[in-house]
Amino acid sequence: MILHLSEEIGSRLQEERKRCGMTQGEIAEAIGVVKRTQANYEAGTSDAPASYLSKVALQFGFDVPYILTGVRTNLAESDLNETEDCLIKQFRSIPEDDQKAIRRILEAMADDVARHRS
């Protein structure tokens, strides 16, 4: 089966969404499109505009060069696994106050683990 370029891009867009563990509805709501539009982008029946790709890259860390070309950027090839990579990108996309709150939670969890190991 031969895929057209729009279908290939849509397939990789879907792959990136799933890599971040999100549903079409969650992505659509966060980006400001309707779920049907998200589904059309992923099916390749509609081309995702640059403004959309920019938003998913900034907000969720989608690898836009990969979506467009099928070639992963160096960040995805780092020592991080896919979940860690996605978490870091999501962390970077949230406000600084929320980042501080997450750091406090992680520090408390790590302290708790350390206490139980002692």
PDB file of N, CA and C in Angstrom:
ATOM      1  N   MET A   1       0.833  -1.179   0.000  1.00  0.00           N
ATOM      2  CA  MET A   1       0.000   0.000   0.000  1.00  0.00           C
ATOM      3  C   MET A   1       0.882   1.247   0.000  1.00  0.00           C
ATOM      4  N   ILE A   2       0.636   2.147  -0.892  1.00  0.00           N
ATOM      5  CA  ILE A   2       1.407   3.380  -1.010  1.00  0.00           C
ATOM      6  C   ILE A   2       0.644   4.504  -0.319  1.00  0.00           C
ATOM      7  N   LEU A   3       1.314   5.169   0.621  1.00  0.00           N
ATOM      8  CA  LEU A   3       0.713   6.308   1.305  1.00  0.00           C
ATOM      9  C   LEU A   3       1.104   7.587   0.588  1.00  0.00           C
ATOM     10  N   HIS A   4       0.172   8.511   0.513  1.00  0.00           N
ATOM     11  CA  HIS A   4       0.479   9.837  -0.020  1.00  0.00           C
ATOM     12  C   HIS A   4       1.153  10.648   1.079  1.00  0.00           C
ATOM     13  N   LEU A   5       1.830  11.712   0.695  1.00  0.00           N
ATOM     14  CA  LEU A   5       2.588  12.518   1.655  1.00  0.00           C
ATOM     15  C   LEU A   5       1.711  12.980   2.816  1.00  0.00           C
ATOM     16  N   SER A   6       0.490  13.446   2.537  1.00  0.00           N
ATOM     17  CA  SER A   6      -0.399  13.904   3.609  1.00  0.00           C
ATOM     18  C   SER A   6      -0.709  12.776   4.584  1.00  0.00           C
ATOM     19  N   GLU A   7      -0.878  11.569   4.063  1.00  0.00           N
ATOM     20  CA  GLU A   7      -1.156  10.420   4.929  1.00  0.00           C
ATOM     21  C   GLU A   7       0.065  10.049   5.759  1.00  0.00           C
ATOM     22  N   GLU A   8       1.249  10.155   5.164  1.00  0.00           N
ATOM     23  CA  GLU A   8       2.477   9.872   5.906  1.00  0.00           C
ATOM     24  C   GLU A   8       2.652  10.872   7.044  1.00  0.00           C
ATOM     25  N   ILE A   9       2.426  12.141   6.751  1.00  0.00           N
ATOM     26  CA  ILE A   9       2.530  13.182   7.775  1.00  0.00           C
ATOM     27  C   ILE A   9       1.488  12.944   8.859  1.00  0.00           C
ATOM     28  N   GLY A  10       0.274  12.616   8.456  1.00  0.00           N
ATOM     29  CA  GLY A  10      -0.786  12.339   9.423  1.00  0.00           C
ATOM     30  C   GLY A  10      -0.454  11.158  10.310  1.00  0.00           C
ATOM     31  N   SER A  11       0.119  10.131   9.725  1.00  0.00           N
ATOM     32  CA  SER A  11       0.505   8.942  10.486  1.00  0.00           C
ATOM     33  C   SER A  11       1.574   9.279  11.520  1.00  0.00           C
ATOM     34  N   ARG A  12       2.538  10.096  11.143  1.00  0.00           N
ATOM     35  CA  ARG A  12       3.590  10.478  12.083  1.00  0.00           C
ATOM     36  C   ARG A  12       3.046  11.438  13.154  1.00  0.00           C
ATOM     37  N   LEU A  13       2.091  12.274  12.779  1.00  0.00           N
ATOM     38  CA  LEU A  13       1.445  13.154  13.742  1.00  0.00           C
ATOM     39  C   LEU A  13       0.714  12.311  14.796  1.00  0.00           C
ATOM     40  N   GLN A  14       0.019  11.293  14.342  1.00  0.00           N
ATOM     41  CA  GLN A  14      -0.664  10.379  15.260  1.00  0.00           C
ATOM     42  C   GLN A  14       0.349   9.672  16.165  1.00  0.00           C
ATOM     43  N   GLU A  15       1.457   9.259  15.598  1.00  0.00           N
ATOM     44  CA  GLU A  15       2.510   8.587  16.365  1.00  0.00           C
ATOM     45  C   GLU A  15       3.036   9.499  17.469  1.00  0.00           C
ATOM     46  N   GLU A  16       3.268  10.760  17.152  1.00  0.00           N
ATOM     47  CA  GLU A  16       3.758  11.709  18.154  1.00  0.00           C
ATOM     48  C   GLU A  16       2.719  11.906  19.258  1.00  0.00           C
ATOM     49  N   ARG A  17       1.455  12.001  18.888  1.00  0.00           N
ATOM     50  CA  ARG A  17       0.400  12.159  19.884  1.00  0.00           C
ATOM     51  C   ARG A  17       0.369  10.963  20.831  1.00  0.00           C
ATOM     52  N   LYS A  18       0.422   9.777  20.267  1.00  0.00           N
ATOM     53  CA  LYS A  18       0.390   8.564  21.079  1.00  0.00           C
ATOM     54  C   LYS A  18       1.639   8.443  21.945  1.00  0.00           C
ATOM     55  N   ARG A  19       2.770   8.892  21.424  1.00  0.00           N
ATOM     56  CA  ARG A  19       4.020   8.857  22.181  1.00  0.00           C
ATOM     57  C   ARG A  19       3.890   9.680  23.454  1.00  0.00           C
ATOM     58  N   CYS A  20       3.110  10.742  23.396  1.00  0.00           N
ATOM     59  CA  CYS A  20       2.889  11.580  24.573  1.00  0.00           C
ATOM     60  C   CYS A  20       1.709  11.098  25.410  1.00  0.00           C
ATOM     61  N   GLY A  21       1.087  10.002  24.992  1.00  0.00           N
ATOM     62  CA  GLY A  21      -0.002   9.422  25.764  1.00  0.00           C
ATOM     63  C   GLY A  21      -1.262  10.253  25.787  1.00  0.00           C
ATOM     64  N   MET A  22      -1.550  10.942  24.703  1.00  0.00           N
ATOM     65  CA  MET A  22      -2.714  11.808  24.662  1.00  0.00           C
ATOM     66  C   MET A  22      -3.731  11.318  23.633  1.00  0.00           C
ATOM     67  N   THR A  23      -4.990  11.673  23.858  1.00  0.00           N
ATOM     68  CA  THR A  23      -6.050  11.340  22.910  1.00  0.00           C
ATOM     69  C   THR A  23      -6.199  12.469  21.897  1.00  0.00           C
ATOM     70  N   GLN A  24      -6.906  12.176  20.823  1.00  0.00           N
ATOM     71  CA  GLN A  24      -7.181  13.230  19.836  1.00  0.00           C
ATOM     72  C   GLN A  24      -7.933  14.381  20.487  1.00  0.00           C
ATOM     73  N   GLY A  25      -8.891  14.051  21.336  1.00  0.00           N
ATOM     74  CA  GLY A  25      -9.678  15.086  22.005  1.00  0.00           C
ATOM     75  C   GLY A  25      -8.844  15.965  22.916  1.00  0.00           C
ATOM     76  N   GLU A  26      -7.901  15.372  23.636  1.00  0.00           N
ATOM     77  CA  GLU A  26      -7.042  16.143  24.535  1.00  0.00           C
ATOM     78  C   GLU A  26      -6.156  17.106  23.763  1.00  0.00           C
ATOM     79  N   ILE A  27      -5.565  16.611  22.685  1.00  0.00           N
ATOM     80  CA  ILE A  27      -4.724  17.488  21.856  1.00  0.00           C
ATOM     81  C   ILE A  27      -5.562  18.603  21.254  1.00  0.00           C
ATOM     82  N   ALA A  28      -6.703  18.237  20.679  1.00  0.00           N
ATOM     83  CA  ALA A  28      -7.569  19.215  20.020  1.00  0.00           C
ATOM     84  C   ALA A  28      -7.967  20.331  20.979  1.00  0.00           C
ATOM     85  N   GLU A  29      -8.397  19.952  22.169  1.00  0.00           N
ATOM     86  CA  GLU A  29      -8.826  20.949  23.147  1.00  0.00           C
ATOM     87  C   GLU A  29      -7.683  21.865  23.556  1.00  0.00           C
ATOM     88  N   ALA A  30      -6.522  21.287  23.795  1.00  0.00           N
ATOM     89  CA  ALA A  30      -5.368  22.082  24.231  1.00  0.00           C
ATOM     90  C   ALA A  30      -4.894  23.047  23.149  1.00  0.00           C
ATOM     91  N   ILE A  31      -4.998  22.637  21.903  1.00  0.00           N
ATOM     92  CA  ILE A  31      -4.492  23.457  20.797  1.00  0.00           C
ATOM     93  C   ILE A  31      -5.549  24.426  20.280  1.00  0.00           C
ATOM     94  N   GLY A  32      -6.809  24.118  20.540  1.00  0.00           N
ATOM     95  CA  GLY A  32      -7.883  25.015  20.105  1.00  0.00           C
ATOM     96  C   GLY A  32      -8.490  24.649  18.770  1.00  0.00           C
ATOM     97  N   VAL A  33      -8.500  23.348  18.462  1.00  0.00           N
ATOM     98  CA  VAL A  33      -9.198  22.875  17.264  1.00  0.00           C
ATOM     99  C   VAL A  33     -10.239  21.856  17.722  1.00  0.00           C
ATOM    100  N   VAL A  34     -11.193  21.550  16.854  1.00  0.00           N
ATOM    101  CA  VAL A  34     -12.176  20.531  17.209  1.00  0.00           C
ATOM    102  C   VAL A  34     -11.571  19.149  16.975  1.00  0.00           C
ATOM    103  N   LYS A  35     -12.112  18.155  17.665  1.00  0.00           N
ATOM    104  CA  LYS A  35     -11.567  16.801  17.580  1.00  0.00           C
ATOM    105  C   LYS A  35     -11.570  16.301  16.135  1.00  0.00           C
ATOM    106  N   ARG A  36     -12.590  16.630  15.374  1.00  0.00           N
ATOM    107  CA  ARG A  36     -12.686  16.186  13.976  1.00  0.00           C
ATOM    108  C   ARG A  36     -11.511  16.734  13.155  1.00  0.00           C
ATOM    109  N   THR A  37     -11.116  17.966  13.429  1.00  0.00           N
ATOM    110  CA  THR A  37      -9.973  18.559  12.729  1.00  0.00           C
ATOM    111  C   THR A  37      -8.708  17.777  13.046  1.00  0.00           C
ATOM    112  N   GLN A  38      -8.516  17.450  14.327  1.00  0.00           N
ATOM    113  CA  GLN A  38      -7.360  16.644  14.730  1.00  0.00           C
ATOM    114  C   GLN A  38      -7.383  15.303  14.006  1.00  0.00           C
ATOM    115  N   ALA A  39      -8.544  14.673  13.965  1.00  0.00           N
ATOM    116  CA  ALA A  39      -8.681  13.382  13.290  1.00  0.00           C
ATOM    117  C   ALA A  39      -8.347  13.514  11.803  1.00  0.00           C
ATOM    118  N   ASN A  40      -8.775  14.596  11.167  1.00  0.00           N
ATOM    119  CA  ASN A  40      -8.480  14.822   9.747  1.00  0.00           C
ATOM    120  C   ASN A  40      -6.987  15.024   9.510  1.00  0.00           C
ATOM    121  N   TYR A  41      -6.324  15.734  10.420  1.00  0.00           N
ATOM    122  CA  TYR A  41      -4.879  15.911  10.295  1.00  0.00           C
ATOM    123  C   TYR A  41      -4.186  14.552  10.352  1.00  0.00           C
ATOM    124  N   GLU A  42      -4.597  13.725  11.308  1.00  0.00           N
ATOM    125  CA  GLU A  42      -3.960  12.425  11.486  1.00  0.00           C
ATOM    126  C   GLU A  42      -4.286  11.457  10.361  1.00  0.00           C
ATOM    127  N   ALA A  43      -5.449  11.596   9.763  1.00  0.00           N
ATOM    128  CA  ALA A  43      -5.832  10.724   8.652  1.00  0.00           C
ATOM    129  C   ALA A  43      -5.198  11.182   7.340  1.00  0.00           C
ATOM    130  N   GLY A  44      -4.697  12.406   7.318  1.00  0.00           N
ATOM    131  CA  GLY A  44      -4.110  12.938   6.091  1.00  0.00           C
ATOM    132  C   GLY A  44      -5.136  13.502   5.136  1.00  0.00           C
ATOM    133  N   THR A  45      -6.381  13.657   5.596  1.00  0.00           N
ATOM    134  CA  THR A  45      -7.415  14.230   4.732  1.00  0.00           C
ATOM    135  C   THR A  45      -7.383  15.747   4.744  1.00  0.00           C
ATOM    136  N   SER A  46      -6.732  16.311   5.751  1.00  0.00           N
ATOM    137  CA  SER A  46      -6.478  17.753   5.828  1.00  0.00           C
ATOM    138  C   SER A  46      -5.025  17.941   6.241  1.00  0.00           C
ATOM    139  N   ASP A  47      -4.384  18.953   5.681  1.00  0.00           N
ATOM    140  CA  ASP A  47      -3.007  19.253   6.038  1.00  0.00           C
ATOM    141  C   ASP A  47      -2.977  20.168   7.263  1.00  0.00           C
ATOM    142  N   ALA A  48      -2.186  19.813   8.244  1.00  0.00           N
ATOM    143  CA  ALA A  48      -2.038  20.642   9.441  1.00  0.00           C
ATOM    144  C   ALA A  48      -1.255  21.897   9.074  1.00  0.00           C
ATOM    145  N   PRO A  49      -1.788  23.081   9.412  1.00  0.00           N
ATOM    146  CA  PRO A  49      -1.066  24.319   9.089  1.00  0.00           C
ATOM    147  C   PRO A  49       0.143  24.511  10.004  1.00  0.00           C
ATOM    148  N   ALA A  50       1.029  25.379   9.582  1.00  0.00           N
ATOM    149  CA  ALA A  50       2.242  25.661  10.351  1.00  0.00           C
ATOM    150  C   ALA A  50       1.907  26.159  11.750  1.00  0.00           C
ATOM    151  N   SER A  51       0.850  26.938  11.893  1.00  0.00           N
ATOM    152  CA  SER A  51       0.477  27.453  13.213  1.00  0.00           C
ATOM    153  C   SER A  51       0.141  26.307  14.165  1.00  0.00           C
ATOM    154  N   TYR A  52      -0.530  25.283  13.663  1.00  0.00           N
ATOM    155  CA  TYR A  52      -0.865  24.103  14.470  1.00  0.00           C
ATOM    156  C   TYR A  52       0.415  23.356  14.855  1.00  0.00           C
ATOM    157  N   LEU A  53       1.274  23.114  13.879  1.00  0.00           N
ATOM    158  CA  LEU A  53       2.519  22.386  14.137  1.00  0.00           C
ATOM    159  C   LEU A  53       3.391  23.124  15.146  1.00  0.00           C
ATOM    160  N   SER A  54       3.407  24.435  15.057  1.00  0.00           N
ATOM    161  CA  SER A  54       4.170  25.235  16.009  1.00  0.00           C
ATOM    162  C   SER A  54       3.618  25.059  17.421  1.00  0.00           C
ATOM    163  N   LYS A  55       2.293  25.061  17.550  1.00  0.00           N
ATOM    164  CA  LYS A  55       1.665  24.901  18.863  1.00  0.00           C
ATOM    165  C   LYS A  55       1.965  23.532  19.469  1.00  0.00           C
ATOM    166  N   VAL A  56       1.829  22.462  18.690  1.00  0.00           N
ATOM    167  CA  VAL A  56       2.067  21.127  19.264  1.00  0.00           C
ATOM    168  C   VAL A  56       3.539  20.930  19.597  1.00  0.00           C
ATOM    169  N   ALA A  57       4.412  21.601  18.848  1.00  0.00           N
ATOM    170  CA  ALA A  57       5.844  21.513  19.154  1.00  0.00           C
ATOM    171  C   ALA A  57       6.145  22.215  20.479  1.00  0.00           C
ATOM    172  N   LEU A  58       5.619  23.421  20.642  1.00  0.00           N
ATOM    173  CA  LEU A  58       5.895  24.190  21.853  1.00  0.00           C
ATOM    174  C   LEU A  58       5.179  23.624  23.070  1.00  0.00           C
ATOM    175  N   GLN A  59       3.935  23.222  22.899  1.00  0.00           N
ATOM    176  CA  GLN A  59       3.140  22.789  24.046  1.00  0.00           C
ATOM    177  C   GLN A  59       3.414  21.351  24.469  1.00  0.00           C
ATOM    178  N   PHE A  60       3.677  20.478  23.497  1.00  0.00           N
ATOM    179  CA  PHE A  60       3.811  19.059  23.815  1.00  0.00           C
ATOM    180  C   PHE A  60       5.141  18.451  23.386  1.00  0.00           C
ATOM    181  N   GLY A  61       5.992  19.235  22.749  1.00  0.00           N
ATOM    182  CA  GLY A  61       7.293  18.726  22.346  1.00  0.00           C
ATOM    183  C   GLY A  61       7.258  17.803  21.145  1.00  0.00           C
ATOM    184  N   PHE A  62       6.209  17.922  20.304  1.00  0.00           N
ATOM    185  CA  PHE A  62       6.161  17.100  19.097  1.00  0.00           C
ATOM    186  C   PHE A  62       7.383  17.401  18.237  1.00  0.00           C
ATOM    187  N   ASP A  63       7.944  16.382  17.641  1.00  0.00           N
ATOM    188  CA  ASP A  63       9.114  16.496  16.776  1.00  0.00           C
ATOM    189  C   ASP A  63       8.626  16.836  15.358  1.00  0.00           C
ATOM    190  N   VAL A  64       8.477  18.139  15.091  1.00  0.00           N
ATOM    191  CA  VAL A  64       7.914  18.582  13.808  1.00  0.00           C
ATOM    192  C   VAL A  64       8.778  18.168  12.618  1.00  0.00           C
ATOM    193  N   PRO A  65      10.107  18.268  12.680  1.00  0.00           N
ATOM    194  CA  PRO A  65      10.890  17.772  11.539  1.00  0.00           C
ATOM    195  C   PRO A  65      10.598  16.295  11.245  1.00  0.00           C
ATOM    196  N   TYR A  66      10.428  15.506  12.303  1.00  0.00           N
ATOM    197  CA  TYR A  66      10.078  14.095  12.102  1.00  0.00           C
ATOM    198  C   TYR A  66       8.705  13.964  11.453  1.00  0.00           C
ATOM    199  N   ILE A  67       7.736  14.733  11.934  1.00  0.00           N
ATOM    200  CA  ILE A  67       6.388  14.674  11.365  1.00  0.00           C
ATOM    201  C   ILE A  67       6.436  14.980   9.872  1.00  0.00           C
ATOM    202  N   LEU A  68       7.211  15.976   9.486  1.00  0.00           N
ATOM    203  CA  LEU A  68       7.239  16.405   8.085  1.00  0.00           C
ATOM    204  C   LEU A  68       8.126  15.541   7.194  1.00  0.00           C
ATOM    205  N   THR A  69       9.222  15.010   7.756  1.00  0.00           N
ATOM    206  CA  THR A  69      10.208  14.320   6.909  1.00  0.00           C
ATOM    207  C   THR A  69      10.387  12.840   7.215  1.00  0.00           C
ATOM    208  N   GLY A  70       9.985  12.432   8.405  1.00  0.00           N
ATOM    209  CA  GLY A  70      10.223  11.052   8.813  1.00  0.00           C
ATOM    210  C   GLY A  70      11.596  10.837   9.417  1.00  0.00           C
ATOM    211  N   VAL A  71      12.356  11.915   9.616  1.00  0.00           N
ATOM    212  CA  VAL A  71      13.700  11.834  10.196  1.00  0.00           C
ATOM    213  C   VAL A  71      13.665  12.485  11.571  1.00  0.00           C
ATOM    214  N   ARG A  72      14.013  11.716  12.595  1.00  0.00           N
ATOM    215  CA  ARG A  72      14.015  12.220  13.968  1.00  0.00           C
ATOM    216  C   ARG A  72      15.123  13.241  14.177  1.00  0.00           C
ATOM    217  N   THR A  73      14.863  14.218  15.061  1.00  0.00           N
ATOM    218  CA  THR A  73      15.885  15.189  15.423  1.00  0.00           C
ATOM    219  C   THR A  73      16.793  14.559  16.472  1.00  0.00           C
ATOM    220  N   ASN A  74      17.883  15.204  16.758  1.00  0.00           N
ATOM    221  CA  ASN A  74      18.847  14.674  17.719  1.00  0.00           C
ATOM    222  C   ASN A  74      18.263  14.513  19.113  1.00  0.00           C
ATOM    223  N   LEU A  75      17.320  15.381  19.515  1.00  0.00           N
ATOM    224  CA  LEU A  75      16.762  15.306  20.856  1.00  0.00           C
ATOM    225  C   LEU A  75      16.118  13.953  21.097  1.00  0.00           C
ATOM    226  N   ALA A  76      15.373  13.434  20.138  1.00  0.00           N
ATOM    227  CA  ALA A  76      14.712  12.143  20.312  1.00  0.00           C
ATOM    228  C   ALA A  76      15.716  10.999  20.337  1.00  0.00           C
ATOM    229  N   GLU A  77      16.933  11.251  19.863  1.00  0.00           N
ATOM    230  CA  GLU A  77      17.957  10.213  19.837  1.00  0.00           C
ATOM    231  C   GLU A  77      18.875  10.283  21.057  1.00  0.00           C
ATOM    232  N   SER A  78      18.521  11.124  22.031  1.00  0.00           N
ATOM    233  CA  SER A  78      19.364  11.255  23.219  1.00  0.00           C
ATOM    234  C   SER A  78      19.239  10.023  24.099  1.00  0.00           C
ATOM    235  N   ASP A  79      19.794  10.125  25.272  1.00  0.00           N
ATOM    236  CA  ASP A  79      19.760   9.010  26.214  1.00  0.00           C
ATOM    237  C   ASP A  79      18.403   8.847  26.887  1.00  0.00           C
ATOM    238  N   LEU A  80      17.483   9.774  26.684  1.00  0.00           N
ATOM    239  CA  LEU A  80      16.161   9.685  27.292  1.00  0.00           C
ATOM    240  C   LEU A  80      15.291   8.691  26.540  1.00  0.00           C
ATOM    241  N   ASN A  81      14.441   7.971  27.292  1.00  0.00           N
ATOM    242  CA  ASN A  81      13.460   7.147  26.596  1.00  0.00           C
ATOM    243  C   ASN A  81      12.315   8.056  26.140  1.00  0.00           C
ATOM    244  N   GLU A  82      11.386   7.525  25.385  1.00  0.00           N
ATOM    245  CA  GLU A  82      10.324   8.352  24.806  1.00  0.00           C
ATOM    246  C   GLU A  82       9.468   9.029  25.872  1.00  0.00           C
ATOM    247  N   THR A  83       9.163   8.324  26.943  1.00  0.00           N
ATOM    248  CA  THR A  83       8.345   8.893  28.018  1.00  0.00           C
ATOM    249  C   THR A  83       9.072  10.045  28.689  1.00  0.00           C
ATOM    250  N   GLU A  84      10.353   9.853  28.993  1.00  0.00           N
ATOM    251  CA  GLU A  84      11.140  10.903  29.629  1.00  0.00           C
ATOM    252  C   GLU A  84      11.249  12.128  28.715  1.00  0.00           C
ATOM    253  N   ASP A  85      11.477  11.894  27.447  1.00  0.00           N
ATOM    254  CA  ASP A  85      11.586  12.979  26.476  1.00  0.00           C
ATOM    255  C   ASP A  85      10.290  13.779  26.431  1.00  0.00           C
ATOM    256  N   CYS A  86       9.166  13.080  26.386  1.00  0.00           N
ATOM    257  CA  CYS A  86       7.867  13.745  26.330  1.00  0.00           C
ATOM    258  C   CYS A  86       7.602  14.539  27.609  1.00  0.00           C
ATOM    259  N   LEU A  87       7.931  13.960  28.766  1.00  0.00           N
ATOM    260  CA  LEU A  87       7.730  14.649  30.036  1.00  0.00           C
ATOM    261  C   LEU A  87       8.548  15.933  30.119  1.00  0.00           C
ATOM    262  N   ILE A  88       9.782  15.876  29.668  1.00  0.00           N
ATOM    263  CA  ILE A  88      10.631  17.066  29.703  1.00  0.00           C
ATOM    264  C   ILE A  88      10.071  18.153  28.793  1.00  0.00           C
ATOM    265  N   LYS A  89       9.629  17.773  27.619  1.00  0.00           N
ATOM    266  CA  LYS A  89       9.056  18.756  26.698  1.00  0.00           C
ATOM    267  C   LYS A  89       7.775  19.362  27.270  1.00  0.00           C
ATOM    268  N   GLN A  90       6.944  18.535  27.888  1.00  0.00           N
ATOM    269  CA  GLN A  90       5.724  19.054  28.505  1.00  0.00           C
ATOM    270  C   GLN A  90       6.067  19.974  29.670  1.00  0.00           C
ATOM    271  N   PHE A  91       7.041  19.578  30.490  1.00  0.00           N
ATOM    272  CA  PHE A  91       7.476  20.386  31.620  1.00  0.00           C
ATOM    273  C   PHE A  91       7.931  21.765  31.140  1.00  0.00           C
ATOM    274  N   ARG A  92       8.705  21.794  30.080  1.00  0.00           N
ATOM    275  CA  ARG A  92       9.213  23.064  29.549  1.00  0.00           C
ATOM    276  C   ARG A  92       8.099  23.950  29.007  1.00  0.00           C
ATOM    277  N   SER A  93       6.961  23.371  28.672  1.00  0.00           N
ATOM    278  CA  SER A  93       5.878  24.142  28.062  1.00  0.00           C
ATOM    279  C   SER A  93       4.942  24.793  29.086  1.00  0.00           C
ATOM    280  N   ILE A  94       5.088  24.447  30.368  1.00  0.00           N
ATOM    281  CA  ILE A  94       4.173  24.979  31.372  1.00  0.00           C
ATOM    282  C   ILE A  94       4.789  26.185  32.072  1.00  0.00           C
ATOM    283  N   PRO A  95       3.960  27.009  32.715  1.00  0.00           N
ATOM    284  CA  PRO A  95       4.472  28.213  33.394  1.00  0.00           C
ATOM    285  C   PRO A  95       5.470  27.870  34.496  1.00  0.00           C
ATOM    286  N   GLU A  96       6.340  28.833  34.790  1.00  0.00           N
ATOM    287  CA  GLU A  96       7.415  28.630  35.762  1.00  0.00           C
ATOM    288  C   GLU A  96       6.885  28.267  37.149  1.00  0.00           C
ATOM    289  N   ASP A  97       5.779  28.875  37.571  1.00  0.00           N
ATOM    290  CA  ASP A  97       5.219  28.547  38.889  1.00  0.00           C
ATOM    291  C   ASP A  97       4.791  27.081  38.947  1.00  0.00           C
ATOM    292  N   ASP A  98       4.222  26.572  37.859  1.00  0.00           N
ATOM    293  CA  ASP A  98       3.839  25.165  37.811  1.00  0.00           C
ATOM    294  C   ASP A  98       5.069  24.260  37.807  1.00  0.00           C
ATOM    295  N   GLN A  99       6.123  24.704  37.124  1.00  0.00           N
ATOM    296  CA  GLN A  99       7.368  23.929  37.133  1.00  0.00           C
ATOM    297  C   GLN A  99       7.921  23.825  38.552  1.00  0.00           C
ATOM    298  N   LYS A 100       7.864  24.932  39.302  1.00  0.00           N
ATOM    299  CA  LYS A 100       8.354  24.924  40.685  1.00  0.00           C
ATOM    300  C   LYS A 100       7.536  23.957  41.528  1.00  0.00           C
ATOM    301  N   ALA A 101       6.222  23.949  41.335  1.00  0.00           N
ATOM    302  CA  ALA A 101       5.360  23.042  42.103  1.00  0.00           C
ATOM    303  C   ALA A 101       5.702  21.586  41.797  1.00  0.00           C
ATOM    304  N   ILE A 102       5.938  21.285  40.534  1.00  0.00           N
ATOM    305  CA  ILE A 102       6.296  19.918  40.148  1.00  0.00           C
ATOM    306  C   ILE A 102       7.639  19.530  40.759  1.00  0.00           C
ATOM    307  N   ARG A 103       8.596  20.447  40.751  1.00  0.00           N
ATOM    308  CA  ARG A 103       9.895  20.156  41.369  1.00  0.00           C
ATOM    309  C   ARG A 103       9.747  19.857  42.859  1.00  0.00           C
ATOM    310  N   ARG A 104       8.885  20.633  43.556  1.00  0.00           N
ATOM    311  CA  ARG A 104       8.667  20.382  44.991  1.00  0.00           C
ATOM    312  C   ARG A 104       8.058  18.994  45.203  1.00  0.00           C
ATOM    313  N   ILE A 105       7.101  18.616  44.375  1.00  0.00           N
ATOM    314  CA  ILE A 105       6.475  17.293  44.487  1.00  0.00           C
ATOM    315  C   ILE A 105       7.511  16.197  44.262  1.00  0.00           C
ATOM    316  N   LEU A 106       8.318  16.336  43.207  1.00  0.00           N
ATOM    317  CA  LEU A 106       9.339  15.324  42.917  1.00  0.00           C
ATOM    318  C   LEU A 106      10.373  15.224  44.032  1.00  0.00           C
ATOM    319  N   GLU A 107      10.779  16.362  44.574  1.00  0.00           N
ATOM    320  CA  GLU A 107      11.742  16.351  45.672  1.00  0.00           C
ATOM    321  C   GLU A 107      11.160  15.637  46.888  1.00  0.00           C
ATOM    322  N   ALA A 108       9.892  15.894  47.202  1.00  0.00           N
ATOM    323  CA  ALA A 108       9.243  15.225  48.336  1.00  0.00           C
ATOM    324  C   ALA A 108       9.164  13.724  48.098  1.00  0.00           C
ATOM    325  N   MET A 109       8.840  13.318  46.882  1.00  0.00           N
ATOM    326  CA  MET A 109       8.768  11.893  46.555  1.00  0.00           C
ATOM    327  C   MET A 109      10.138  11.240  46.660  1.00  0.00           C
ATOM    328  N   ALA A 110      11.160  11.909  46.147  1.00  0.00           N
ATOM    329  CA  ALA A 110      12.522  11.357  46.203  1.00  0.00           C
ATOM    330  C   ALA A 110      12.995  11.251  47.650  1.00  0.00           C
ATOM    331  N   ASP A 111      12.674  12.260  48.474  1.00  0.00           N
ATOM    332  CA  ASP A 111      13.034  12.203  49.897  1.00  0.00           C
ATOM    333  C   ASP A 111      12.347  11.028  50.576  1.00  0.00           C
ATOM    334  N   ASP A 112      11.090  10.801  50.244  1.00  0.00           N
ATOM    335  CA  ASP A 112      10.335   9.698  50.822  1.00  0.00           C
ATOM    336  C   ASP A 112      10.963   8.357  50.456  1.00  0.00           C
ATOM    337  N   VAL A 113      11.343   8.204  49.195  1.00  0.00           N
ATOM    338  CA  VAL A 113      11.990   6.966  48.741  1.00  0.00           C
ATOM    339  C   VAL A 113      13.315   6.772  49.483  1.00  0.00           C
ATOM    340  N   ALA A 114      14.095   7.854  49.619  1.00  0.00           N
ATOM    341  CA  ALA A 114      15.380   7.756  50.298  1.00  0.00           C
ATOM    342  C   ALA A 114      15.201   7.350  51.764  1.00  0.00           C
ATOM    343  N   ARG A 115      14.179   7.882  52.422  1.00  0.00           N
ATOM    344  CA  ARG A 115      13.915   7.524  53.826  1.00  0.00           C
ATOM    345  C   ARG A 115      13.570   6.030  53.954  1.00  0.00           C
ATOM    346  N   HIS A 116      12.809   5.530  53.003  1.00  0.00           N
ATOM    347  CA  HIS A 116      12.406   4.109  53.058  1.00  0.00           C
ATOM    348  C   HIS A 116      13.575   3.158  52.740  1.00  0.00           C
ATOM    349  N   ARG A 117      14.560   3.643  52.040  1.00  0.00           N
ATOM    350  CA  ARG A 117      15.722   2.806  51.698  1.00  0.00           C
ATOM    351  C   ARG A 117      16.707   2.738  52.857  1.00  0.00           C
ATOM    352  N   SER A 118      16.657   3.741  53.709  1.00  0.00           N
ATOM    353  CA  SER A 118      17.634   3.796  54.830  1.00  0.00           C
ATOM    354  C   SER A 118      17.297   2.825  55.925  1.00  0.00           C
TER     355      SER A 118
END
